[in-house]
Amino acid sequence: MIDEIYNYRQSNMPAVEFSTEWSKLCIPFEESLTEEQLITFHKLLDIQSTISADEARTAYKAGFKDGATIMNEVTT
């Protein structure tokens, strides 16, 4: 159930834009790569994004459970 709550909340979150610093560094870097290197770099970015999303989901679930535990302790 916590996953469903998180997934619903996630779809309503505003998209985060890349920082100016990211653009200044990433665009020239990508332009310096060969096609094969660029594909590998994008795969690495996808992996990092997936890991970050998994970490955020895990932290959300842990926080949700901690909040429920605190509410339960207050009422008993």
Protein backbone atom coordinates (compact mmCIF):
# COMPACT_ATOMS: atom_id res chain seq x y z
CA MET A 1 0.00 0.00 0.00
CA ILE A 2 2.85 2.39 0.77
CA ASP A 3 4.18 1.84 -2.75
CA GLU A 4 0.81 2.86 -4.21
CA ILE A 5 0.76 6.02 -2.11
CA TYR A 6 4.32 6.85 -3.15
CA ASN A 7 3.63 6.17 -6.82
CA TYR A 8 0.53 8.36 -6.76
CA ARG A 9 2.42 11.15 -5.02
CA GLN A 10 5.34 10.77 -7.39
CA SER A 11 3.16 11.39 -10.44
CA ASN A 12 2.03 14.73 -8.98
CA MET A 13 5.51 16.01 -8.17
CA PRO A 14 6.85 18.82 -10.35
CA ALA A 15 9.71 17.91 -12.65
CA VAL A 16 13.13 19.02 -11.51
CA GLU A 17 15.16 20.92 -14.06
CA PHE A 18 18.88 20.50 -14.52
CA SER A 19 21.01 23.17 -12.92
CA THR A 20 22.92 25.71 -14.99
CA GLU A 21 26.14 24.11 -13.76
CA TRP A 22 24.99 20.72 -15.10
CA SER A 23 24.28 22.22 -18.52
CA LYS A 24 27.63 24.02 -18.62
CA LEU A 25 29.47 20.79 -17.86
CA CYS A 26 27.35 18.15 -19.56
CA ILE A 27 26.73 19.65 -22.99
CA PRO A 28 30.41 20.20 -23.88
CA PHE A 29 31.26 16.83 -22.36
CA GLU A 30 28.65 15.01 -24.43
CA GLU A 31 29.79 16.80 -27.57
CA SER A 32 33.33 15.53 -26.98
CA LEU A 33 32.26 11.87 -26.88
CA THR A 34 32.12 9.41 -29.71
CA GLU A 35 28.74 7.87 -30.52
CA GLU A 36 29.62 4.69 -28.63
CA GLN A 37 30.85 6.65 -25.61
CA LEU A 38 27.70 8.78 -25.67
CA ILE A 39 25.50 5.67 -25.61
CA THR A 40 27.49 4.28 -22.67
CA PHE A 41 27.30 7.61 -20.85
CA HIS A 42 23.52 7.74 -21.28
CA LYS A 43 23.20 4.15 -20.02
CA LEU A 44 25.22 5.13 -16.94
CA LEU A 45 22.94 8.14 -16.38
CA ASP A 46 19.89 5.88 -16.64
CA ILE A 47 21.37 3.47 -14.09
CA GLN A 48 22.12 6.35 -11.71
CA SER A 49 18.60 7.70 -12.15
CA THR A 50 17.10 4.29 -11.36
CA ILE A 51 19.27 3.96 -8.24
CA SER A 52 18.27 7.45 -7.07
CA ALA A 53 14.59 6.67 -7.61
CA ASP A 54 14.93 3.41 -5.66
CA GLU A 55 16.67 5.24 -2.81
CA ALA A 56 13.94 7.90 -2.72
CA ARG A 57 11.23 5.23 -2.66
CA THR A 58 12.98 3.36 0.16
CA ALA A 59 13.42 6.55 2.19
CA TYR A 60 9.76 7.48 1.65
CA LYS A 61 8.59 4.06 2.81
CA ALA A 62 10.86 4.16 5.87
CA GLY A 63 9.64 7.65 6.77
CA PHE A 64 6.03 6.62 6.29
CA LYS A 65 6.50 3.60 8.55
CA ASP A 66 8.32 5.71 11.16
CA GLY A 67 5.48 8.25 11.10
CA ALA A 68 2.90 5.50 11.54
CA THR A 69 4.89 4.01 14.42
CA ILE A 70 5.08 7.39 16.16
CA MET A 71 1.34 7.95 15.73
CA ASN A 72 0.66 4.49 17.11
CA GLU A 73 2.89 5.11 20.13
CA VAL A 74 1.21 8.46 20.86
CA THR A 75 -2.25 6.90 20.87
CA THR A 76 -1.34 3.98 23.15
